[in-house]
Protein backbone atom coordinates (compact mmCIF):
# COMPACT_ATOMS: atom_id res chain seq x y z
CA UNK A 1 -16.10 15.30 9.91
CA UNK A 2 -14.66 14.29 6.64
CA UNK A 3 -16.56 15.41 3.39
CA UNK A 4 -17.86 12.56 1.34
CA UNK A 5 -16.27 12.14 -2.10
CA UNK A 6 -18.57 13.02 -4.86
CA UNK A 7 -19.17 10.32 -7.63
CA UNK A 8 -20.58 10.45 -11.14
CA UNK A 9 -21.91 7.68 -13.44
CA UNK A 10 -21.55 8.28 -17.01
CA UNK A 11 -24.14 6.16 -18.83
CA UNK A 12 -26.34 5.26 -15.92
CA UNK A 13 -29.40 3.85 -17.74
CA UNK A 14 -27.86 0.41 -18.75
CA UNK A 15 -27.93 -2.49 -16.37
CA UNK A 16 -24.29 -1.95 -15.15
CA UNK A 17 -24.76 1.78 -14.77
CA UNK A 18 -28.17 1.10 -12.85
CA UNK A 19 -26.45 -1.23 -10.54
CA UNK A 20 -23.51 1.18 -9.72
CA UNK A 21 -26.54 3.88 -8.90
CA UNK A 22 -27.97 1.28 -6.47
CA UNK A 23 -24.53 0.45 -5.02
CA UNK A 24 -23.27 3.68 -4.74
CA UNK A 25 -26.59 5.11 -3.04
CA UNK A 26 -25.94 2.80 -0.19
CA UNK A 27 -22.18 3.63 0.22
CA UNK A 28 -21.05 5.24 3.59
CA UNK A 29 -18.12 7.05 2.02
CA UNK A 30 -19.49 8.72 -1.21
CA UNK A 31 -22.62 10.69 -2.34
CA UNK A 32 -23.94 10.31 -5.71
CA UNK A 33 -23.94 13.90 -7.29
CA UNK A 34 -24.33 13.31 -11.23
CA UNK A 35 -25.89 10.71 -13.41
CA UNK A 36 -26.02 11.08 -17.29
CA UNK A 37 -27.96 9.48 -20.16
CA UNK A 38 -28.18 10.62 -23.75
CA UNK A 39 -31.73 8.60 -24.34
CA UNK A 40 -33.28 9.81 -20.70
CA UNK A 41 -31.75 13.19 -20.13
CA UNK A 42 -34.47 15.32 -18.13
CA UNK A 43 -36.05 12.37 -16.81
CA UNK A 44 -36.04 11.08 -13.21
CA UNK A 45 -33.88 8.16 -12.38
CA UNK A 46 -36.93 6.29 -10.85
CA UNK A 47 -39.07 6.61 -13.94
CA UNK A 48 -36.73 4.72 -15.92
CA UNK A 49 -36.11 2.27 -12.84
CA UNK A 50 -39.29 2.42 -11.00
CA UNK A 51 -37.62 -0.38 -8.47
CA UNK A 52 -35.82 2.27 -6.87
CA UNK A 53 -38.61 4.90 -6.08
CA UNK A 54 -38.11 6.82 -3.32
CA UNK A 55 -34.25 5.32 -3.09
CA UNK A 56 -32.63 7.57 -5.57
CA UNK A 57 -33.60 11.12 -6.21
CA UNK A 58 -31.80 12.24 -9.34
CA UNK A 59 -32.50 13.44 -12.79
CA UNK A 60 -30.54 12.18 -15.60
CA UNK A 61 -28.35 14.94 -17.36
CA UNK A 62 -26.58 14.97 -21.00
CA UNK A 63 -23.05 14.76 -20.21
CA UNK A 64 -20.75 18.11 -20.73
CA UNK A 65 -16.94 17.35 -19.69
CA UNK A 66 -16.83 21.02 -18.67
CA UNK A 67 -19.77 20.57 -16.37
CA UNK A 68 -18.75 17.44 -15.10
CA UNK A 69 -15.44 18.10 -13.72
CA UNK A 70 -17.02 20.61 -11.26
CA UNK A 71 -19.69 17.98 -10.07
CA UNK A 72 -17.67 15.00 -9.00
CA UNK A 73 -14.11 13.64 -7.88
CA UNK A 74 -14.90 9.98 -9.02
CA UNK A 75 -16.36 8.88 -12.35
CA UNK A 76 -17.60 5.66 -13.60
CA UNK A 77 -17.81 5.11 -17.23
CA UNK A 78 -20.86 2.62 -17.87
CA UNK A 79 -20.49 3.37 -21.66
CA UNK A 80 -20.46 0.94 -24.58
CA UNK A 81 -16.96 -0.30 -25.92
CA UNK A 82 -15.22 2.21 -28.07
CA UNK A 83 -17.17 5.48 -26.29
CA UNK A 84 -15.34 5.52 -23.10
CA UNK A 85 -11.72 6.48 -24.62
CA UNK A 86 -13.08 10.02 -25.63
CA UNK A 87 -14.99 10.85 -22.30
CA UNK A 88 -12.21 9.51 -20.03
CA UNK A 89 -9.10 11.84 -21.35
CA UNK A 90 -10.59 15.25 -20.25
CA UNK A 91 -11.58 13.97 -16.83
CA UNK A 92 -8.18 12.40 -16.28
CA UNK A 93 -6.54 15.60 -17.61
CA UNK A 94 -8.67 17.34 -14.82
CA UNK A 95 -7.31 15.10 -12.24
CA UNK A 96 -10.40 12.86 -11.65
CA UNK A 97 -10.27 9.11 -10.78
CA UNK A 98 -12.01 7.29 -13.46
CA UNK A 99 -13.25 3.74 -13.47
CA UNK A 100 -13.99 2.58 -17.08
CA UNK A 101 -16.48 -0.45 -17.22
CA UNK A 102 -15.89 -0.86 -20.92
CA UNK A 103 -12.89 -2.78 -22.89
CA UNK A 104 -11.20 0.66 -23.75
CA UNK A 105 -8.66 0.43 -21.07
CA UNK A 106 -8.27 -3.07 -20.25
CA UNK A 107 -5.46 -3.81 -22.53
CA UNK A 108 -1.69 -2.84 -22.23
CA UNK A 109 -1.12 -4.00 -25.83
CA UNK A 110 -2.73 -1.34 -28.09
CA UNK A 111 -2.77 -3.41 -31.10
CA UNK A 112 -4.61 -6.21 -29.47
CA UNK A 113 -7.42 -3.90 -28.57
CA UNK A 114 -7.24 -2.56 -32.14
CA UNK A 115 -7.58 -5.95 -33.35
CA UNK A 116 -10.79 -6.62 -31.90
CA UNK A 117 -12.54 -3.43 -31.33
CA UNK A 118 -11.41 0.03 -33.12
CA UNK A 119 -8.46 2.34 -33.42
CA UNK A 120 -7.59 3.76 -29.99
CA UNK A 121 -8.25 7.45 -29.48
CA UNK A 122 -6.51 8.00 -26.15
CA UNK A 123 -3.50 5.57 -26.41
CA UNK A 124 -1.56 7.74 -24.09
CA UNK A 125 -3.56 6.50 -21.14
CA UNK A 126 -3.34 2.75 -21.96
CA UNK A 127 0.18 2.29 -20.08
CA UNK A 128 -1.13 4.24 -17.20
CA UNK A 129 -4.54 2.32 -16.94
CA UNK A 130 -4.57 -0.85 -14.21
CA UNK A 131 -6.56 -3.72 -14.86
CA UNK A 132 -9.06 -3.68 -11.97
CA UNK A 133 -9.08 -7.52 -11.26
CA UNK A 134 -9.13 -6.57 -7.40
CA UNK A 135 -7.84 -9.33 -5.66
CA UNK A 136 -4.84 -9.86 -8.34
CA UNK A 137 -3.88 -6.16 -8.62
CA UNK A 138 -4.81 -4.60 -5.13
CA UNK A 139 -1.28 -2.70 -4.89
CA UNK A 140 -1.39 -1.06 -8.23
CA UNK A 141 -5.14 -0.34 -7.88
CA UNK A 142 -4.41 1.73 -4.77
CA UNK A 143 -2.16 3.88 -6.65
CA UNK A 144 -4.07 4.21 -9.80
CA UNK A 145 -6.13 7.13 -11.48
CA UNK A 146 -7.60 5.18 -13.98
CA UNK A 147 -9.04 1.43 -13.94
CA UNK A 148 -10.02 -0.66 -16.66
CA UNK A 149 -12.50 -2.66 -15.10
CA UNK A 150 -12.47 -6.48 -16.19
CA UNK A 151 -15.10 -8.23 -17.99
CA UNK A 152 -17.61 -10.43 -16.67
CA UNK A 153 -16.44 -13.70 -18.28
CA UNK A 154 -12.80 -12.82 -17.58
CA UNK A 155 -13.46 -12.10 -14.18
CA UNK A 156 -14.96 -15.50 -13.63
CA UNK A 157 -12.04 -17.53 -15.35
CA UNK A 158 -8.92 -15.29 -14.39
CA UNK A 159 -9.75 -15.34 -10.64
CA UNK A 160 -9.14 -19.22 -10.27
CA UNK A 161 -6.47 -19.52 -12.96
CA UNK A 162 -4.09 -16.73 -12.22
CA UNK A 163 -2.61 -17.87 -8.83
CA UNK A 164 -2.21 -21.55 -10.57
CA UNK A 165 -0.39 -20.41 -13.48
CA UNK A 166 1.81 -17.96 -11.60
CA UNK A 167 2.74 -21.03 -9.09
CA UNK A 168 3.36 -23.36 -12.14
CA UNK A 169 0.75 -25.77 -10.95
CA UNK A 170 -1.27 -26.34 -14.23
CA UNK A 171 -0.24 -26.54 -18.02
CA UNK A 172 -0.17 -23.53 -20.04
CA UNK A 173 -1.53 -25.31 -23.19
CA UNK A 174 -5.01 -26.97 -23.63
CA UNK A 175 -6.71 -24.62 -21.34
CA UNK A 176 -10.69 -24.61 -21.89
CA UNK A 177 -13.31 -22.49 -20.48
CA UNK A 178 -16.95 -23.33 -20.97
CA UNK A 179 -19.20 -20.41 -19.83
CA UNK A 180 -22.68 -19.96 -19.47
CA UNK A 181 -24.16 -16.33 -18.89
CA UNK A 182 -27.64 -14.86 -18.09
CA UNK A 183 -29.27 -12.46 -20.71
CA UNK A 184 -28.42 -9.24 -18.89
CA UNK A 185 -24.92 -10.11 -20.05
CA UNK A 186 -25.99 -8.79 -23.62
CA UNK A 187 -27.08 -5.47 -22.10
CA UNK A 188 -30.27 -3.09 -21.84
CA UNK A 189 -30.71 -2.44 -25.65
CA UNK A 190 -33.46 -4.61 -27.42
CA UNK A 191 -32.19 -6.94 -29.89
CA UNK A 192 -33.68 -10.11 -31.66
CA UNK A 193 -31.43 -12.47 -29.99
CA UNK A 194 -32.43 -11.33 -26.45
CA UNK A 195 -36.29 -11.52 -26.82
CA UNK A 196 -38.23 -13.60 -24.44
CA UNK A 197 -39.28 -16.11 -27.13
CA UNK A 198 -36.05 -16.26 -28.52
CA UNK A 199 -34.07 -17.04 -25.21
CA UNK A 200 -36.83 -18.98 -22.89
CA UNK A 201 -36.39 -22.66 -22.92
CA UNK A 202 -33.25 -22.30 -25.29
CA UNK A 203 -29.79 -22.83 -24.55
CA UNK A 204 -27.00 -22.07 -27.03
CA UNK A 205 -23.26 -21.32 -27.81
CA UNK A 206 -22.51 -17.96 -29.40
CA UNK A 207 -19.34 -16.54 -30.94
CA UNK A 208 -17.58 -20.08 -30.33
CA UNK A 209 -13.71 -19.49 -29.95
CA UNK A 210 -14.09 -15.92 -31.10
CA UNK A 211 -15.38 -13.77 -28.51
CA UNK A 212 -13.67 -10.61 -27.65
CA UNK A 213 -13.09 -11.66 -24.07
CA UNK A 214 -10.73 -14.15 -25.00
CA UNK A 215 -7.63 -11.71 -25.98
CA UNK A 216 -8.20 -10.09 -22.61
CA UNK A 217 -7.86 -13.49 -20.78
CA UNK A 218 -4.96 -14.36 -22.81
CA UNK A 219 -3.00 -11.27 -21.82
CA UNK A 220 -3.60 -11.66 -18.22
CA UNK A 221 -2.81 -15.38 -18.29
CA UNK A 222 0.27 -14.76 -20.17
CA UNK A 223 1.42 -12.12 -17.51
CA UNK A 224 0.53 -14.55 -14.74
CA UNK A 225 2.28 -17.44 -16.25
CA UNK A 226 5.29 -15.68 -17.77
CA UNK A 227 4.81 -17.37 -21.06
CA UNK A 228 2.34 -17.42 -23.92
CA UNK A 229 -1.25 -18.56 -22.86
CA UNK A 230 -4.05 -18.98 -25.37
CA UNK A 231 -7.39 -20.28 -23.82
CA UNK A 232 -10.16 -21.88 -25.84
CA UNK A 233 -13.09 -19.95 -24.57
CA UNK A 234 -16.82 -20.95 -25.47
CA UNK A 235 -19.63 -18.66 -24.07
CA UNK A 236 -23.23 -19.73 -24.11
CA UNK A 237 -26.54 -17.97 -23.31
CA UNK A 238 -28.95 -19.48 -20.75
CA UNK A 239 -32.43 -18.39 -19.84
CA UNK A 240 -31.72 -16.37 -16.50
CA UNK A 241 -31.58 -12.68 -16.21
CA UNK A 242 -28.28 -12.92 -14.44
CA UNK A 243 -25.23 -14.94 -13.15
CA UNK A 244 -22.05 -16.57 -14.84
CA UNK A 245 -20.81 -20.27 -14.52
CA UNK A 246 -17.57 -21.07 -15.83
CA UNK A 247 -16.32 -24.65 -16.13
CA UNK A 248 -12.64 -24.52 -16.63
CA UNK A 249 -10.52 -27.76 -17.76
CA UNK A 250 -6.97 -27.71 -17.28
CA UNK A 251 -4.09 -30.22 -17.17
CA UNK A 252 -2.46 -30.65 -13.87
CA UNK A 253 0.89 -30.87 -12.56
CA UNK A 254 0.31 -31.86 -9.02
CA UNK A 255 -2.42 -33.26 -6.53
CA UNK A 256 -5.53 -31.23 -6.07
CA UNK A 257 -4.62 -30.81 -2.69
CA UNK A 258 -1.79 -28.54 -4.01
CA UNK A 259 -4.15 -26.88 -6.06
CA UNK A 260 -6.56 -25.73 -3.22
CA UNK A 261 -3.61 -24.98 -0.87
CA UNK A 262 -2.63 -22.46 -3.59
CA UNK A 263 -6.13 -20.89 -4.05
CA UNK A 264 -6.50 -20.59 -0.27
CA UNK A 265 -3.29 -19.25 -0.06
CA UNK A 266 -3.78 -16.54 -2.57
CA UNK A 267 -7.37 -15.58 -1.43
CA UNK A 268 -6.94 -15.98 2.24
CA UNK A 269 -7.52 -12.36 3.07
CA UNK A 270 -9.92 -11.75 -0.06
CA UNK A 271 -13.43 -11.34 1.45
CA UNK A 272 -15.37 -11.83 -1.82
CA UNK A 273 -13.54 -15.04 -2.88
CA UNK A 274 -15.11 -18.07 -1.53
CA UNK A 275 -13.23 -21.63 -2.18
CA UNK A 276 -15.66 -24.29 -1.60
CA UNK A 277 -14.97 -27.38 0.40
CA UNK A 278 -14.19 -30.57 -1.20
CA UNK A 279 -17.04 -32.09 -3.03
CA UNK A 280 -19.07 -28.59 -3.11
CA UNK A 281 -19.59 -26.91 -6.37
CA UNK A 282 -20.57 -23.35 -7.14
CA UNK A 283 -24.48 -22.52 -8.03
CA UNK A 284 -25.15 -19.02 -9.79
CA UNK A 285 -28.15 -18.58 -7.39
CA UNK A 286 -25.85 -18.53 -4.55
CA UNK A 287 -24.03 -15.25 -5.54
CA UNK A 288 -26.88 -13.69 -7.08
CA UNK A 289 -26.79 -9.99 -6.46
CA UNK A 290 -23.36 -10.22 -4.47
CA UNK A 291 -20.02 -9.20 -5.13
CA UNK A 292 -18.83 -13.06 -4.41
CA UNK A 293 -16.79 -15.34 -6.59
CA UNK A 294 -17.36 -18.92 -5.50
CA UNK A 295 -14.90 -21.44 -6.74
CA UNK A 296 -15.19 -25.33 -6.66
CA UNK A 297 -12.42 -27.93 -7.73
CA UNK A 298 -12.38 -31.61 -8.72
CA UNK A 299 -9.43 -33.56 -10.10
CA UNK A 300 -9.85 -36.64 -12.39
CA UNK A 301 -6.93 -38.62 -11.76
CA UNK A 302 -7.88 -41.03 -14.54
CA UNK A 303 -7.75 -38.22 -17.07
CA UNK A 304 -5.11 -36.11 -15.48
CA UNK A 305 -7.60 -32.89 -15.76
CA UNK A 306 -8.45 -30.58 -13.10
CA UNK A 307 -11.94 -29.23 -13.44
CA UNK A 308 -12.58 -25.58 -11.92
CA UNK A 309 -16.08 -24.44 -11.52
CA UNK A 310 -16.48 -20.77 -10.99
CA UNK A 311 -19.53 -18.60 -10.54
CA UNK A 312 -20.32 -14.75 -10.34
CA UNK A 313 -23.17 -12.30 -10.71
CA UNK A 314 -22.30 -11.01 -14.12
CA UNK A 315 -23.72 -7.33 -13.08
CA UNK A 316 -22.04 -7.31 -9.69
CA UNK A 317 -18.80 -8.91 -9.35
CA UNK A 318 -18.58 -8.99 -13.19
CA UNK A 319 -19.21 -5.19 -13.56
CA UNK A 320 -20.67 -2.80 -10.99
CA UNK A 321 -19.47 -4.63 -7.73
CA UNK A 322 -16.18 -4.85 -9.04
CA UNK A 323 -16.03 -1.38 -10.02
CA UNK A 324 -17.14 -0.21 -6.71
CA UNK A 325 -14.48 -2.61 -5.07
CA UNK A 326 -12.04 -0.92 -7.34
CA UNK A 327 -12.95 2.47 -6.09
CA UNK A 328 -12.89 1.48 -2.57
CA UNK A 329 -9.35 0.31 -2.94
CA UNK A 330 -8.26 3.42 -4.78
CA UNK A 331 -9.66 5.58 -2.06
CA UNK A 332 -8.57 3.67 0.67
CA UNK A 333 -12.04 3.16 1.77
CA UNK A 334 -12.96 -0.49 3.77
CA UNK A 335 -13.03 -2.73 0.70
CA UNK A 336 -16.39 -4.13 1.34
CA UNK A 337 -18.04 -0.54 1.65
CA UNK A 338 -21.32 -0.53 -0.12
CA UNK A 339 -20.94 -4.05 -1.79
CA UNK A 340 -21.30 -6.43 1.50
CA UNK A 341 -24.42 -7.79 0.57
CA UNK A 342 -25.06 -11.28 1.72
CA UNK A 343 -26.52 -13.79 -0.68
CA UNK A 344 -30.15 -14.83 -0.81
CA UNK A 345 -30.70 -18.21 0.85
CA UNK A 346 -33.34 -19.36 -1.61
């Protein structure tokens, strides 16, 4: 009988970290051995997240790299941007597998990261990191020790666009992405902008044309296209707890049938990508709590514009679920292990 791999979650008290705990607890190939939180060290997990009472029997610990390397084989870093790089380095040097949910290892170009975040403290690992967009970079992920798990907005936008750019079916200029996200995308730390009375019955754009996910998308879209791509990205906050709907507008070089054929060919063996039939469009409720990405298409022949609508659960396919999917690929587990939940019908 094979021994289960041991998993640690560093920063397991935020929404994404908590979702990883939930998913790993039901995973058939691994066992959860180490949870950390600065704020809740010494407290039981179900004290902080009562919904999982009786399901997760662990206490939070204070992170120590010296202790950590003896307690797990695979590490998920669910830490804020700028915090992961210092934690990842000693784990990688000890030969551990690391999946980082922050932006710290998403960029190949160090200067792009530093322009939007801060000076990088572990640049020697940037070239070795693999961008963990599972359906696009499957082969590289299978050989990786370090994964930069994609952002939630980029996941919803890159999945429909990258195959089309690779096959030269859409223009590389004038791409517009209009995205709506639930409030959990802002994280679990309290802030004025995410209070109930500030969000309820409201609907607002934020960080218009200057969100930090745009350079992450540009780097990967440019890689797919083989030429420079600069997306115009406008995110919005909507009063729901979770989910992302991205509506993308592109100039099309061919008929919508070729577009649909391209996406079907790119994702025909990808369990979590669902290309909807003609005339059907995604609903955030239909992927809630799942690792699915649903994609719908509509071509306006009068305008010469292709409208792509893509939806994911920002905490699952946009964070924890994709992170577990990355682990499955890295470790040669079944890709759906631990993340094969079906959507809720209502």
